[in-house]
Amino acid sequence: MMKAQTIEEKQYLVRFNADTKSHLHVLDPNICLTKCPDKICTIFCPASVYKWEEVRMHVGYEGCHECGSCRIGCPYENIQWEYPRGGYGIVFRLG
């Protein structure tokens, strides 16, 4: 078996047990629309969970790496981050 070399290849090896309810919430969508021209969360999230879609932020929580970057990175403190419910979220494989 060949070892993963790039970040993208390594991220592909991570598995998720996605809940039906998001553990990530944009508190006020209007802040993203009117006050945040750079949409910085779409840049700093290593899993690319946040995507700007014309007039709103789409949050693909299913692929969240649970790193907490969005909890501290949003300059408007507009993202609520919680741990997923027990048994859900990222699944790390050792080895």
Protein backbone atom coordinates (compact mmCIF):
# COMPACT_ATOMS: atom_id res chain seq x y z
CA MET A 1 0.00 0.00 0.00
CA MET A 2 1.31 3.43 -0.97
CA LYS A 3 1.56 6.15 1.70
CA ALA A 4 -0.38 9.38 1.24
CA GLN A 5 1.90 12.28 0.36
CA THR A 6 -0.16 15.46 0.04
CA ILE A 7 -2.54 17.05 2.54
CA GLU A 8 -5.44 16.26 0.21
CA GLU A 9 -4.43 12.60 0.01
CA LYS A 10 -4.10 12.41 3.79
CA GLN A 11 -7.48 14.09 4.30
CA TYR A 12 -9.03 11.54 1.95
CA LEU A 13 -8.04 8.80 4.41
CA VAL A 14 -10.07 10.36 7.23
CA ARG A 15 -13.54 8.89 7.66
CA PHE A 16 -16.65 10.48 9.15
CA ASN A 17 -19.79 9.26 10.85
CA ALA A 18 -22.02 12.21 10.02
CA ASP A 19 -24.96 13.11 12.21
CA THR A 20 -28.21 14.34 10.68
CA LYS A 21 -27.90 17.54 12.75
CA SER A 22 -25.11 20.06 12.25
CA HIS A 23 -22.76 20.92 15.10
CA LEU A 24 -21.70 24.09 13.23
CA HIS A 25 -23.95 27.13 12.96
CA VAL A 26 -23.61 30.53 11.32
CA LEU A 27 -25.29 32.71 13.93
CA ASP A 28 -26.25 35.65 11.70
CA PRO A 29 -26.13 35.03 7.93
CA ASN A 30 -26.48 38.77 7.33
CA ILE A 31 -23.03 39.37 8.86
CA CYS A 32 -21.47 37.10 6.22
CA LEU A 33 -23.39 38.90 3.50
CA THR A 34 -22.78 42.50 4.55
CA LYS A 35 -19.75 42.72 6.84
CA CYS A 36 -17.34 40.03 5.68
CA PRO A 37 -16.18 40.68 2.13
CA ASP A 38 -13.30 38.16 2.29
CA LYS A 39 -15.37 35.25 3.65
CA ILE A 40 -12.29 34.28 5.66
CA CYS A 41 -13.82 31.02 6.94
CA THR A 42 -13.73 29.70 3.39
CA ILE A 43 -9.94 30.16 3.53
CA PHE A 44 -8.86 29.02 7.01
CA CYS A 45 -10.96 25.85 7.33
CA PRO A 46 -8.63 22.94 6.46
CA ALA A 47 -11.61 20.75 5.50
CA SER A 48 -13.24 23.39 3.26
CA VAL A 49 -16.46 23.06 5.26
CA TYR A 50 -17.51 26.65 4.49
CA LYS A 51 -18.50 27.60 0.94
CA TRP A 52 -19.94 30.93 -0.15
CA GLU A 53 -22.87 30.38 -2.50
CA GLU A 54 -23.93 33.67 -4.11
CA VAL A 55 -25.73 35.23 -1.13
CA ARG A 56 -25.30 32.72 1.69
CA MET A 57 -22.78 30.57 3.49
CA HIS A 58 -23.17 26.83 3.00
CA VAL A 59 -21.82 24.74 5.88
CA GLY A 60 -20.87 21.17 4.95
CA TYR A 61 -20.56 19.99 8.55
CA GLU A 62 -20.35 16.34 7.49
CA GLY A 63 -16.66 16.74 6.58
CA CYS A 64 -15.62 18.78 9.64
CA HIS A 65 -12.24 17.78 11.10
CA GLU A 66 -13.27 19.14 14.52
CA CYS A 67 -10.14 21.30 14.73
CA GLY A 68 -12.02 24.32 16.11
CA SER A 69 -10.47 26.80 13.67
CA CYS A 70 -13.86 28.35 12.94
CA ARG A 71 -14.48 28.80 16.66
CA ILE A 72 -11.57 31.24 16.87
CA GLY A 73 -11.00 32.34 13.27
CA CYS A 74 -14.20 34.20 12.42
CA PRO A 75 -13.44 37.91 12.98
CA TYR A 76 -17.12 38.49 13.84
CA GLU A 77 -17.50 35.50 16.19
CA ASN A 78 -20.37 34.49 13.94
CA ILE A 79 -19.78 30.74 13.96
CA GLN A 80 -20.98 28.54 16.78
CA TRP A 81 -18.89 25.38 17.03
CA GLU A 82 -19.80 22.42 19.22
CA TYR A 83 -18.53 18.89 19.42
CA PRO A 84 -20.73 16.47 17.47
CA ARG A 85 -23.03 14.24 19.49
CA GLY A 86 -21.42 11.14 20.91
CA GLY A 87 -20.70 8.52 18.27
CA TYR A 88 -20.71 11.05 15.44
CA GLY A 89 -18.05 13.12 13.75
CA ILE A 90 -14.54 12.36 12.60
CA VAL A 91 -13.26 8.78 12.83
CA PHE A 92 -9.49 8.45 13.08
CA ARG A 93 -7.78 5.25 12.06
CA LEU A 94 -4.48 4.38 13.67
CA GLY A 95 -1.75 2.85 11.59
